[in-house]
Amino acid sequence: MNVHKNARLTPQGRALLVQRIRTDGWRVGDAAAAAGISLRQAFRWLARHRAGGELALQDRSSAPARCRRTDADTVAAIERLRRQRRTGPQIARELVLPRSTVGAVLRRLGLGRLSALEAKPEIVRYEREKPGELIHIDIKKLGRIDGVGHRITGDRTGQSNKRGTGWEYLHVAIDDACRLAYSEVLVNEKAESAVAFTGRAVAWFERLGVSVERIMTDNGSAYKSLAFRDLLAEQRIRHKRTRPYTPRTNGKAERFIQTSLREWAYAHAYTTSTERTETLKPWLQTYNTTRTHSGIKHMTPFAKLNNVLGFDI
């Protein structure tokens, strides 16, 4: 058993204390002073030795000898009141129980938070059958780089002096069926940037044989602009929007952004934003042609695209 870091005596020191008193004839007060403990503690070790010998001088477990578990009827009453949306203190007062007991029971039942009573929304997973049926588009704000930052070094010294470096915006487009992705880093997230990016993304997909039928975005102002509406009308593309405050509706774009941050944006110690932007295209090439995806049965997006189009590889 580990000895407490602040313990004055180890089992060997306790045995020496007892030996000095019982064998060498030391006075208890002198032996206690030599050991750096109180007179009362010295008598306590003597009593332990008389009762159990050398073995009694070892550290004892602090675990309780027995644990009183709350009876089943009380647990049922706590759960019943909790499902009536009572708080822990209210349940404790009504059942005349300690708040700590009520809290422990609620945690054991998985009802430690009132939010646990809310029914979790059903997870609806879907995947379009044909590339181009649905393209997910989103934007992620990235801090501009002016030297290697704390996210890589872990050192926040002088961080406040770098405020105001500015932002740049990662625009992403990913196909729902085959996960083929296209991204650009632009200076803002305004309508003109979003419209220009979407036009280039649609043209890129078309060069690969993918005819875009629908585009899904959030409800950002850029995607609600007249210019964005006119672009999609010109391309005969249907616009689908996510439910307000429900980013999981556009989950594939959100997931692709997480992957981009982990494997590209924050994967290396870039010294400038330009250096980071220059690595985006090679990383996208790897993502689309080399990196496999568990969501499409461990295929690459290009392999999935070719298989769906009938060019099995």
C-alpha atoms as a PDB file:
ATOM      1  CA  MET A   1       0.000   0.000   0.000  1.00  0.00           C
ATOM      2  CA  ASN A   2       1.322   3.471  -0.821  1.00  0.00           C
ATOM      3  CA  VAL A   3       2.316   5.650   2.125  1.00  0.00           C
ATOM      4  CA  HIS A   4       0.737   9.091   2.215  1.00  0.00           C
ATOM      5  CA  LYS A   5       3.157  11.793   1.022  1.00  0.00           C
ATOM      6  CA  ASN A   6       2.710  13.770   4.284  1.00  0.00           C
ATOM      7  CA  ALA A   7       3.014  10.803   6.662  1.00  0.00           C
ATOM      8  CA  ARG A   8       5.560  11.355   9.464  1.00  0.00           C
ATOM      9  CA  LEU A   9       6.294   7.663   9.881  1.00  0.00           C
ATOM     10  CA  THR A  10       6.531   4.692   7.563  1.00  0.00           C
ATOM     11  CA  PRO A  11       5.797   1.187   8.937  1.00  0.00           C
ATOM     12  CA  GLN A  12       9.538   0.838   9.582  1.00  0.00           C
ATOM     13  CA  GLY A  13       9.606   4.117  11.523  1.00  0.00           C
ATOM     14  CA  ARG A  14       6.619   3.007  13.599  1.00  0.00           C
ATOM     15  CA  ALA A  15       8.380  -0.238  14.446  1.00  0.00           C
ATOM     16  CA  LEU A  16      11.451   1.762  15.543  1.00  0.00           C
ATOM     17  CA  LEU A  17       9.226   3.942  17.739  1.00  0.00           C
ATOM     18  CA  VAL A  18       7.767   0.886  19.466  1.00  0.00           C
ATOM     19  CA  GLN A  19      11.213  -0.703  19.857  1.00  0.00           C
ATOM     20  CA  ARG A  20      12.634   2.390  21.548  1.00  0.00           C
ATOM     21  CA  ILE A  21       9.776   2.467  24.048  1.00  0.00           C
ATOM     22  CA  ARG A  22       9.245  -1.218  24.790  1.00  0.00           C
ATOM     23  CA  THR A  23      12.750  -2.611  24.321  1.00  0.00           C
ATOM     24  CA  ASP A  24      15.227   0.236  24.757  1.00  0.00           C
ATOM     25  CA  GLY A  25      13.363   1.850  27.664  1.00  0.00           C
ATOM     26  CA  TRP A  26      12.782   5.282  26.159  1.00  0.00           C
ATOM     27  CA  ARG A  27      10.127   7.502  27.666  1.00  0.00           C
ATOM     28  CA  VAL A  28       7.106   7.813  25.375  1.00  0.00           C
ATOM     29  CA  GLY A  29       7.477  11.593  25.151  1.00  0.00           C
ATOM     30  CA  ASP A  30      11.152  11.352  24.161  1.00  0.00           C
ATOM     31  CA  ALA A  31      10.457   8.702  21.499  1.00  0.00           C
ATOM     32  CA  ALA A  32       7.580  10.780  20.119  1.00  0.00           C
ATOM     33  CA  ALA A  33       9.766  13.898  19.928  1.00  0.00           C
ATOM     34  CA  ALA A  34      12.547  11.963  18.179  1.00  0.00           C
ATOM     35  CA  ALA A  35      10.054  10.648  15.646  1.00  0.00           C
ATOM     36  CA  GLY A  36       8.495  14.084  15.092  1.00  0.00           C
ATOM     37  CA  ILE A  37       4.998  13.046  16.165  1.00  0.00           C
ATOM     38  CA  SER A  38       2.675  13.999  18.999  1.00  0.00           C
ATOM     39  CA  LEU A  39       2.527  12.160  22.318  1.00  0.00           C
ATOM     40  CA  ARG A  40      -1.032  11.112  21.570  1.00  0.00           C
ATOM     41  CA  GLN A  41      -0.013   9.578  18.235  1.00  0.00           C
ATOM     42  CA  ALA A  42       2.834   7.690  19.880  1.00  0.00           C
ATOM     43  CA  PHE A  43       0.402   6.087  22.356  1.00  0.00           C
ATOM     44  CA  ARG A  44      -1.872   5.218  19.432  1.00  0.00           C
ATOM     45  CA  TRP A  45       0.936   3.278  17.691  1.00  0.00           C
ATOM     46  CA  LEU A  46       1.786   1.551  20.943  1.00  0.00           C
ATOM     47  CA  ALA A  47      -1.828   0.439  21.353  1.00  0.00           C
ATOM     48  CA  ARG A  48      -1.929  -0.811  17.758  1.00  0.00           C
ATOM     49  CA  HIS A  49       1.254  -2.834  18.365  1.00  0.00           C
ATOM     50  CA  ARG A  50      -0.067  -4.385  21.573  1.00  0.00           C
ATOM     51  CA  ALA A  51      -3.285  -5.385  19.801  1.00  0.00           C
ATOM     52  CA  GLY A  52      -1.822  -6.824  16.625  1.00  0.00           C
ATOM     53  CA  GLY A  53       1.973  -6.870  16.677  1.00  0.00           C
ATOM     54  CA  GLU A  54       4.159  -5.711  13.789  1.00  0.00           C
ATOM     55  CA  LEU A  55       1.389  -6.319  11.250  1.00  0.00           C
ATOM     56  CA  ALA A  56      -0.820  -3.736  12.975  1.00  0.00           C
ATOM     57  CA  LEU A  57       1.743  -1.013  12.210  1.00  0.00           C
ATOM     58  CA  GLN A  58       0.985  -1.222   8.481  1.00  0.00           C
ATOM     59  CA  ASP A  59      -1.303   1.336   6.798  1.00  0.00           C
ATOM     60  CA  ARG A  60      -4.952   0.381   6.850  1.00  0.00           C
ATOM     61  CA  SER A  61      -7.377   0.801   3.991  1.00  0.00           C
ATOM     62  CA  SER A  62      -9.561   3.902   4.248  1.00  0.00           C
ATOM     63  CA  ALA A  63     -12.438   2.137   2.487  1.00  0.00           C
ATOM     64  CA  PRO A  64     -15.521   1.698   4.675  1.00  0.00           C
ATOM     65  CA  ALA A  65     -16.077  -1.762   6.100  1.00  0.00           C
ATOM     66  CA  ARG A  66     -19.603  -1.768   4.735  1.00  0.00           C
ATOM     67  CA  CYS A  67     -21.605   0.490   2.460  1.00  0.00           C
ATOM     68  CA  ARG A  68     -25.271   1.195   3.068  1.00  0.00           C
ATOM     69  CA  ARG A  69     -27.042   1.241  -0.279  1.00  0.00           C
ATOM     70  CA  THR A  70     -30.260   3.172  -0.677  1.00  0.00           C
ATOM     71  CA  ASP A  71     -33.188   0.751  -0.638  1.00  0.00           C
ATOM     72  CA  ALA A  72     -35.122   0.012  -3.819  1.00  0.00           C
ATOM     73  CA  ASP A  73     -38.330   1.777  -2.695  1.00  0.00           C
ATOM     74  CA  THR A  74     -36.461   5.013  -2.011  1.00  0.00           C
ATOM     75  CA  VAL A  75     -34.661   4.797  -5.361  1.00  0.00           C
ATOM     76  CA  ALA A  76     -38.012   4.301  -7.098  1.00  0.00           C
ATOM     77  CA  ALA A  77     -39.468   7.322  -5.291  1.00  0.00           C
ATOM     78  CA  ILE A  78     -36.486   9.480  -6.309  1.00  0.00           C
ATOM     79  CA  GLU A  79     -36.843   8.407  -9.929  1.00  0.00           C
ATOM     80  CA  ARG A  80     -40.607   9.029  -9.909  1.00  0.00           C
ATOM     81  CA  LEU A  81     -40.169  12.574  -8.610  1.00  0.00           C
ATOM     82  CA  ARG A  82     -37.319  13.245 -11.009  1.00  0.00           C
ATOM     83  CA  ARG A  83     -39.484  12.263 -13.953  1.00  0.00           C
ATOM     84  CA  GLN A  84     -41.913  14.897 -12.710  1.00  0.00           C
ATOM     85  CA  ARG A  85     -39.035  17.341 -13.375  1.00  0.00           C
ATOM     86  CA  ARG A  86     -38.241  17.968  -9.707  1.00  0.00           C
ATOM     87  CA  THR A  87     -34.777  19.245  -8.866  1.00  0.00           C
ATOM     88  CA  GLY A  88     -32.421  17.364  -6.559  1.00  0.00           C
ATOM     89  CA  PRO A  89     -32.964  19.714  -3.570  1.00  0.00           C
ATOM     90  CA  GLN A  90     -36.750  19.506  -4.020  1.00  0.00           C
ATOM     91  CA  ILE A  91     -36.623  15.701  -4.006  1.00  0.00           C
ATOM     92  CA  ALA A  92     -34.373  15.713  -0.932  1.00  0.00           C
ATOM     93  CA  ARG A  93     -36.777  17.964   0.982  1.00  0.00           C
ATOM     94  CA  GLU A  94     -39.848  15.954   0.014  1.00  0.00           C
ATOM     95  CA  LEU A  95     -38.319  12.568   0.910  1.00  0.00           C
ATOM     96  CA  VAL A  96     -36.328  13.902   3.911  1.00  0.00           C
ATOM     97  CA  LEU A  97     -33.044  12.649   2.461  1.00  0.00           C
ATOM     98  CA  PRO A  98     -29.573  14.179   2.256  1.00  0.00           C
ATOM     99  CA  ARG A  99     -29.008  16.072  -0.981  1.00  0.00           C
ATOM    100  CA  SER A 100     -25.820  14.060  -1.524  1.00  0.00           C
ATOM    101  CA  THR A 101     -27.803  10.801  -1.410  1.00  0.00           C
ATOM    102  CA  VAL A 102     -30.347  12.081  -3.915  1.00  0.00           C
ATOM    103  CA  GLY A 103     -27.569  13.319  -6.195  1.00  0.00           C
ATOM    104  CA  ALA A 104     -25.742   9.990  -6.084  1.00  0.00           C
ATOM    105  CA  VAL A 105     -28.911   8.044  -6.886  1.00  0.00           C
ATOM    106  CA  LEU A 106     -29.799  10.359  -9.775  1.00  0.00           C
ATOM    107  CA  ARG A 107     -26.331   9.985 -11.271  1.00  0.00           C
ATOM    108  CA  ARG A 108     -26.544   6.213 -10.919  1.00  0.00           C
ATOM    109  CA  LEU A 109     -29.880   6.277 -12.761  1.00  0.00           C
ATOM    110  CA  GLY A 110     -28.444   8.458 -15.528  1.00  0.00           C
ATOM    111  CA  LEU A 111     -30.769  11.302 -14.518  1.00  0.00           C
ATOM    112  CA  GLY A 112     -28.169  13.647 -13.075  1.00  0.00           C
ATOM    113  CA  ARG A 113     -29.267  16.404 -15.443  1.00  0.00           C
ATOM    114  CA  LEU A 114     -32.826  17.418 -16.223  1.00  0.00           C
ATOM    115  CA  SER A 115     -31.886  17.356 -19.912  1.00  0.00           C
ATOM    116  CA  ALA A 116     -31.638  13.560 -19.605  1.00  0.00           C
ATOM    117  CA  LEU A 117     -35.442  13.513 -19.417  1.00  0.00           C
ATOM    118  CA  GLU A 118     -35.731  14.985 -22.897  1.00  0.00           C
ATOM    119  CA  ALA A 119     -36.188  12.500 -25.707  1.00  0.00           C
ATOM    120  CA  LYS A 120     -33.140  12.535 -27.951  1.00  0.00           C
ATOM    121  CA  PRO A 121     -33.928  13.364 -31.579  1.00  0.00           C
ATOM    122  CA  GLU A 122     -33.783  10.403 -33.885  1.00  0.00           C
ATOM    123  CA  ILE A 123     -30.586  10.275 -35.911  1.00  0.00           C
ATOM    124  CA  VAL A 124     -31.544  10.244 -39.562  1.00  0.00           C
ATOM    125  CA  ARG A 125     -28.700   9.100 -41.798  1.00  0.00           C
ATOM    126  CA  TYR A 126     -29.073   9.330 -45.534  1.00  0.00           C
ATOM    127  CA  GLU A 127     -26.932   9.039 -48.623  1.00  0.00           C
ATOM    128  CA  ARG A 128     -27.907   9.966 -52.142  1.00  0.00           C
ATOM    129  CA  GLU A 129     -27.538   7.230 -54.740  1.00  0.00           C
ATOM    130  CA  LYS A 130     -26.048   9.307 -57.557  1.00  0.00           C
ATOM    131  CA  PRO A 131     -23.189  11.839 -57.483  1.00  0.00           C
ATOM    132  CA  GLY A 132     -24.479  15.363 -58.008  1.00  0.00           C
ATOM    133  CA  GLU A 133     -27.924  14.737 -56.537  1.00  0.00           C
ATOM    134  CA  LEU A 134     -26.887  16.782 -53.511  1.00  0.00           C
ATOM    135  CA  ILE A 135     -23.818  18.944 -52.881  1.00  0.00           C
ATOM    136  CA  HIS A 136     -23.223  20.231 -49.347  1.00  0.00           C
ATOM    137  CA  ILE A 137     -21.680  23.721 -49.126  1.00  0.00           C
ATOM    138  CA  ASP A 138     -20.447  25.500 -46.004  1.00  0.00           C
ATOM    139  CA  ILE A 139     -17.918  28.079 -44.772  1.00  0.00           C
ATOM    140  CA  LYS A 140     -15.405  27.902 -41.912  1.00  0.00           C
ATOM    141  CA  LYS A 141     -13.648  30.972 -40.520  1.00  0.00           C
ATOM    142  CA  LEU A 142      -9.897  30.495 -40.016  1.00  0.00           C
ATOM    143  CA  GLY A 143      -7.532  32.797 -38.170  1.00  0.00           C
ATOM    144  CA  ARG A 144      -4.814  34.260 -40.370  1.00  0.00           C
ATOM    145  CA  ILE A 145      -1.304  33.064 -39.547  1.00  0.00           C
ATOM    146  CA  ASP A 146       1.476  35.409 -38.475  1.00  0.00           C
ATOM    147  CA  GLY A 147       4.032  32.956 -37.136  1.00  0.00           C
ATOM    148  CA  VAL A 148       3.593  29.574 -35.466  1.00  0.00           C
ATOM    149  CA  GLY A 149       0.804  29.856 -32.903  1.00  0.00           C
ATOM    150  CA  HIS A 150      -0.089  28.337 -29.561  1.00  0.00           C
ATOM    151  CA  ARG A 151      -2.214  25.611 -31.131  1.00  0.00           C
ATOM    152  CA  ILE A 152       1.025  24.018 -32.357  1.00  0.00           C
ATOM    153  CA  THR A 153       3.559  25.155 -29.716  1.00  0.00           C
ATOM    154  CA  GLY A 154       1.276  25.193 -26.674  1.00  0.00           C
ATOM    155  CA  ASP A 155       2.876  28.531 -25.666  1.00  0.00           C
ATOM    156  CA  ARG A 156       0.423  31.421 -25.233  1.00  0.00           C
ATOM    157  CA  THR A 157       3.114  33.968 -24.300  1.00  0.00           C
ATOM    158  CA  GLY A 158       2.546  37.194 -26.242  1.00  0.00           C
ATOM    159  CA  GLN A 159      -0.711  35.901 -27.683  1.00  0.00           C
ATOM    160  CA  SER A 160      -2.552  39.143 -26.912  1.00  0.00           C
ATOM    161  CA  ASN A 161      -0.031  41.103 -28.995  1.00  0.00           C
ATOM    162  CA  LYS A 162      -1.143  39.206 -32.128  1.00  0.00           C
ATOM    163  CA  ARG A 163      -4.794  40.146 -31.944  1.00  0.00           C
ATOM    164  CA  GLY A 164      -6.099  41.789 -35.091  1.00  0.00           C
ATOM    165  CA  THR A 165      -4.150  39.588 -37.503  1.00  0.00           C
ATOM    166  CA  GLY A 166      -7.476  38.946 -39.223  1.00  0.00           C
ATOM    167  CA  TRP A 167      -9.451  36.082 -40.710  1.00  0.00           C
ATOM    168  CA  GLU A 168      -9.741  34.096 -43.895  1.00  0.00           C
ATOM    169  CA  TYR A 169     -12.547  31.784 -44.907  1.00  0.00           C
ATOM    170  CA  LEU A 170     -12.514  28.168 -46.012  1.00  0.00           C
ATOM    171  CA  HIS A 171     -15.360  27.518 -48.479  1.00  0.00           C
ATOM    172  CA  VAL A 172     -16.119  23.817 -48.932  1.00  0.00           C
ATOM    173  CA  ALA A 173     -18.313  21.733 -51.248  1.00  0.00           C
ATOM    174  CA  ILE A 174     -18.709  17.982 -50.833  1.00  0.00           C
ATOM    175  CA  ASP A 175     -20.831  15.493 -52.752  1.00  0.00           C
ATOM    176  CA  ASP A 176     -23.311  13.524 -50.659  1.00  0.00           C
ATOM    177  CA  ALA A 177     -22.989  10.256 -52.589  1.00  0.00           C
ATOM    178  CA  CYS A 178     -19.261   9.821 -53.146  1.00  0.00           C
ATOM    179  CA  ARG A 179     -17.725  12.402 -50.725  1.00  0.00           C
ATOM    180  CA  LEU A 180     -15.821  14.096 -53.538  1.00  0.00           C
ATOM    181  CA  ALA A 181     -14.702  17.467 -52.136  1.00  0.00           C
ATOM    182  CA  TYR A 182     -13.696  20.879 -53.450  1.00  0.00           C
ATOM    183  CA  SER A 183     -12.391  23.761 -51.298  1.00  0.00           C
ATOM    184  CA  GLU A 184     -10.965  27.246 -51.576  1.00  0.00           C
ATOM    185  CA  VAL A 185      -9.604  29.781 -49.082  1.00  0.00           C
ATOM    186  CA  LEU A 186     -11.130  33.220 -49.735  1.00  0.00           C
ATOM    187  CA  VAL A 187     -10.848  36.626 -48.101  1.00  0.00           C
ATOM    188  CA  ASN A 188     -14.436  36.823 -46.829  1.00  0.00           C
ATOM    189  CA  GLU A 189     -17.784  35.073 -46.586  1.00  0.00           C
ATOM    190  CA  LYS A 190     -19.824  37.684 -48.371  1.00  0.00           C
ATOM    191  CA  ALA A 191     -22.287  36.935 -51.139  1.00  0.00           C
ATOM    192  CA  GLU A 192     -19.893  37.718 -53.990  1.00  0.00           C
ATOM    193  CA  SER A 193     -17.307  35.263 -52.629  1.00  0.00           C
ATOM    194  CA  ALA A 194     -19.892  32.551 -51.955  1.00  0.00           C
ATOM    195  CA  VAL A 195     -21.429  32.953 -55.416  1.00  0.00           C
ATOM    196  CA  ALA A 196     -18.063  32.873 -57.172  1.00  0.00           C
ATOM    197  CA  PHE A 197     -16.959  29.828 -55.192  1.00  0.00           C
ATOM    198  CA  THR A 198     -20.198  27.962 -55.903  1.00  0.00           C
ATOM    199  CA  GLY A 199     -19.864  28.644 -59.622  1.00  0.00           C
ATOM    200  CA  ARG A 200     -16.306  27.299 -59.668  1.00  0.00           C
ATOM    201  CA  ALA A 201     -17.297  24.283 -57.572  1.00  0.00           C
ATOM    202  CA  VAL A 202     -20.176  23.396 -59.917  1.00  0.00           C
ATOM    203  CA  ALA A 203     -17.858  23.717 -62.932  1.00  0.00           C
ATOM    204  CA  TRP A 204     -15.252  21.506 -61.199  1.00  0.00           C
ATOM    205  CA  PHE A 205     -17.820  18.782 -60.529  1.00  0.00           C
ATOM    206  CA  GLU A 206     -19.082  18.975 -64.109  1.00  0.00           C
ATOM    207  CA  ARG A 207     -15.559  18.469 -65.471  1.00  0.00           C
ATOM    208  CA  LEU A 208     -15.531  15.185 -63.563  1.00  0.00           C
ATOM    209  CA  GLY A 209     -18.829  14.094 -65.072  1.00  0.00           C
ATOM    210  CA  VAL A 210     -20.985  15.093 -62.110  1.00  0.00           C
ATOM    211  CA  SER A 211     -24.110  17.068 -62.943  1.00  0.00           C
ATOM    212  CA  VAL A 212     -25.208  19.049 -59.872  1.00  0.00           C
ATOM    213  CA  GLU A 213     -28.943  18.841 -59.169  1.00  0.00           C
ATOM    214  CA  ARG A 214     -29.261  20.207 -55.620  1.00  0.00           C
ATOM    215  CA  ILE A 215     -27.142  22.291 -53.274  1.00  0.00           C
ATOM    216  CA  MET A 216     -27.631  22.357 -49.510  1.00  0.00           C
ATOM    217  CA  THR A 217     -26.443  25.323 -47.423  1.00  0.00           C
ATOM    218  CA  ASP A 218     -27.181  26.880 -44.068  1.00  0.00           C
ATOM    219  CA  ASN A 219     -29.223  30.057 -43.720  1.00  0.00           C
ATOM    220  CA  GLY A 220     -26.304  32.482 -43.915  1.00  0.00           C
ATOM    221  CA  SER A 221     -26.874  35.830 -45.591  1.00  0.00           C
ATOM    222  CA  ALA A 222     -24.588  34.932 -48.497  1.00  0.00           C
ATOM    223  CA  TYR A 223     -26.782  31.959 -49.387  1.00  0.00           C
ATOM    224  CA  LYS A 224     -29.985  33.957 -49.039  1.00  0.00           C
ATOM    225  CA  SER A 225     -28.773  36.668 -51.393  1.00  0.00           C
ATOM    226  CA  LEU A 226     -30.369  37.391 -54.763  1.00  0.00           C
ATOM    227  CA  ALA A 227     -27.039  36.768 -56.513  1.00  0.00           C
ATOM    228  CA  PHE A 228     -26.837  33.251 -55.096  1.00  0.00           C
ATOM    229  CA  ARG A 229     -30.469  32.601 -56.044  1.00  0.00           C
ATOM    230  CA  ASP A 230     -29.841  33.823 -59.588  1.00  0.00           C
ATOM    231  CA  LEU A 231     -26.752  31.629 -59.977  1.00  0.00           C
ATOM    232  CA  LEU A 232     -28.649  28.483 -59.013  1.00  0.00           C
ATOM    233  CA  ALA A 233     -31.594  29.467 -61.232  1.00  0.00           C
ATOM    234  CA  GLU A 234     -29.237  29.936 -64.168  1.00  0.00           C
ATOM    235  CA  GLN A 235     -27.645  26.534 -63.525  1.00  0.00           C
ATOM    236  CA  ARG A 236     -31.088  24.950 -62.894  1.00  0.00           C
ATOM    237  CA  ILE A 237     -29.975  23.767 -59.470  1.00  0.00           C
ATOM    238  CA  ARG A 238     -32.436  23.373 -56.634  1.00  0.00           C
ATOM    239  CA  HIS A 239     -31.499  25.112 -53.375  1.00  0.00           C
ATOM    240  CA  LYS A 240     -32.112  23.276 -50.077  1.00  0.00           C
ATOM    241  CA  ARG A 241     -31.519  24.969 -46.721  1.00  0.00           C
ATOM    242  CA  THR A 242     -30.821  23.402 -43.348  1.00  0.00           C
ATOM    243  CA  ARG A 243     -33.255  23.783 -40.496  1.00  0.00           C
ATOM    244  CA  PRO A 244     -32.399  26.883 -38.410  1.00  0.00           C
ATOM    245  CA  TYR A 245     -29.915  26.197 -35.578  1.00  0.00           C
ATOM    246  CA  THR A 246     -29.539  22.585 -36.716  1.00  0.00           C
ATOM    247  CA  PRO A 247     -26.046  22.240 -38.227  1.00  0.00           C
ATOM    248  CA  ARG A 248     -26.258  18.441 -38.199  1.00  0.00           C
ATOM    249  CA  THR A 249     -28.666  18.729 -41.148  1.00  0.00           C
ATOM    250  CA  ASN A 250     -25.601  19.646 -43.200  1.00  0.00           C
ATOM    251  CA  GLY A 251     -23.552  17.027 -41.409  1.00  0.00           C
ATOM    252  CA  LYS A 252     -21.334  15.893 -44.272  1.00  0.00           C
ATOM    253  CA  ALA A 253     -20.030  19.425 -44.802  1.00  0.00           C
ATOM    254  CA  GLU A 254     -19.520  19.836 -41.047  1.00  0.00           C
ATOM    255  CA  ARG A 255     -17.624  16.565 -40.896  1.00  0.00           C
ATOM    256  CA  PHE A 256     -15.475  17.473 -43.873  1.00  0.00           C
ATOM    257  CA  ILE A 257     -14.584  20.775 -42.189  1.00  0.00           C
ATOM    258  CA  GLN A 258     -13.492  18.891 -39.049  1.00  0.00           C
ATOM    259  CA  THR A 259     -11.322  16.628 -41.183  1.00  0.00           C
ATOM    260  CA  SER A 260      -9.857  19.636 -42.996  1.00  0.00           C
ATOM    261  CA  LEU A 261      -8.929  21.328 -39.730  1.00  0.00           C
ATOM    262  CA  ARG A 262      -7.380  18.191 -38.262  1.00  0.00           C
ATOM    263  CA  GLU A 263      -5.500  16.939 -41.306  1.00  0.00           C
ATOM    264  CA  TRP A 264      -4.677  20.184 -43.124  1.00  0.00           C
ATOM    265  CA  ALA A 265      -5.262  23.540 -41.391  1.00  0.00           C
ATOM    266  CA  TYR A 266      -3.748  22.609 -38.016  1.00  0.00           C
ATOM    267  CA  ALA A 267      -1.710  19.568 -38.988  1.00  0.00           C
ATOM    268  CA  HIS A 268       1.568  21.445 -39.504  1.00  0.00           C
ATOM    269  CA  ALA A 269       3.400  24.459 -38.105  1.00  0.00           C
ATOM    270  CA  TYR A 270       2.737  26.960 -40.903  1.00  0.00           C
ATOM    271  CA  THR A 271       4.549  30.290 -40.648  1.00  0.00           C
ATOM    272  CA  THR A 272       2.175  32.252 -42.912  1.00  0.00           C
ATOM    273  CA  SER A 273      -1.370  31.972 -44.207  1.00  0.00           C
ATOM    274  CA  THR A 274      -0.036  31.840 -47.747  1.00  0.00           C
ATOM    275  CA  GLU A 275       2.011  28.767 -46.900  1.00  0.00           C
ATOM    276  CA  ARG A 276      -1.061  27.063 -45.477  1.00  0.00           C
ATOM    277  CA  THR A 277      -3.210  27.965 -48.490  1.00  0.00           C
ATOM    278  CA  GLU A 278      -0.598  26.554 -50.876  1.00  0.00           C
ATOM    279  CA  THR A 279      -0.876  23.142 -49.214  1.00  0.00           C
ATOM    280  CA  LEU A 280      -4.669  22.970 -49.605  1.00  0.00           C
ATOM    281  CA  LYS A 281      -4.710  21.748 -53.198  1.00  0.00           C
ATOM    282  CA  PRO A 282      -2.206  18.864 -52.634  1.00  0.00           C
ATOM    283  CA  TRP A 283      -4.113  17.839 -49.510  1.00  0.00           C
ATOM    284  CA  LEU A 284      -7.421  17.835 -51.412  1.00  0.00           C
ATOM    285  CA  GLN A 285      -5.835  15.650 -54.071  1.00  0.00           C
ATOM    286  CA  THR A 286      -4.822  13.163 -51.370  1.00  0.00           C
ATOM    287  CA  TYR A 287      -8.268  13.367 -49.762  1.00  0.00           C
ATOM    288  CA  ASN A 288     -10.055  12.629 -53.035  1.00  0.00           C
ATOM    289  CA  THR A 289      -7.735  10.028 -54.541  1.00  0.00           C
ATOM    290  CA  THR A 290      -5.795   8.303 -51.725  1.00  0.00           C
ATOM    291  CA  ARG A 291      -7.526   8.675 -48.373  1.00  0.00           C
ATOM    292  CA  THR A 292     -10.190   6.007 -47.796  1.00  0.00           C
ATOM    293  CA  HIS A 293     -13.499   6.738 -46.058  1.00  0.00           C
ATOM    294  CA  SER A 294     -15.334   4.375 -43.733  1.00  0.00           C
ATOM    295  CA  GLY A 295     -18.666   5.984 -44.737  1.00  0.00           C
ATOM    296  CA  ILE A 296     -18.261   4.690 -48.304  1.00  0.00           C
ATOM    297  CA  LYS A 297     -16.969   1.229 -47.409  1.00  0.00           C
ATOM    298  CA  HIS A 298     -13.315   2.257 -47.187  1.00  0.00           C
ATOM    299  CA  MET A 299     -13.158   3.506 -50.765  1.00  0.00           C
ATOM    300  CA  THR A 300     -11.685   6.793 -51.957  1.00  0.00           C
ATOM    301  CA  PRO A 301     -14.083   9.433 -53.316  1.00  0.00           C
ATOM    302  CA  PHE A 302     -12.678   9.058 -56.851  1.00  0.00           C
ATOM    303  CA  ALA A 303     -13.044   5.274 -56.731  1.00  0.00           C
ATOM    304  CA  LYS A 304     -16.624   5.627 -55.490  1.00  0.00           C
ATOM    305  CA  LEU A 305     -17.360   8.169 -58.221  1.00  0.00           C
ATOM    306  CA  ASN A 306     -16.007   5.924 -60.958  1.00  0.00           C
ATOM    307  CA  ASN A 307     -17.901   2.903 -59.650  1.00  0.00           C
ATOM    308  CA  VAL A 308     -21.192   4.791 -59.550  1.00  0.00           C
ATOM    309  CA  LEU A 309     -20.624   6.183 -63.047  1.00  0.00           C
ATOM    310  CA  GLY A 310     -19.902   2.696 -64.334  1.00  0.00           C
ATOM    311  CA  PHE A 311     -16.119   2.927 -64.672  1.00  0.00           C
ATOM    312  CA  ASP A 312     -15.181   0.316 -62.076  1.00  0.00           C
ATOM    313  CA  ILE A 313     -11.633   0.642 -60.806  1.00  0.00           C
END
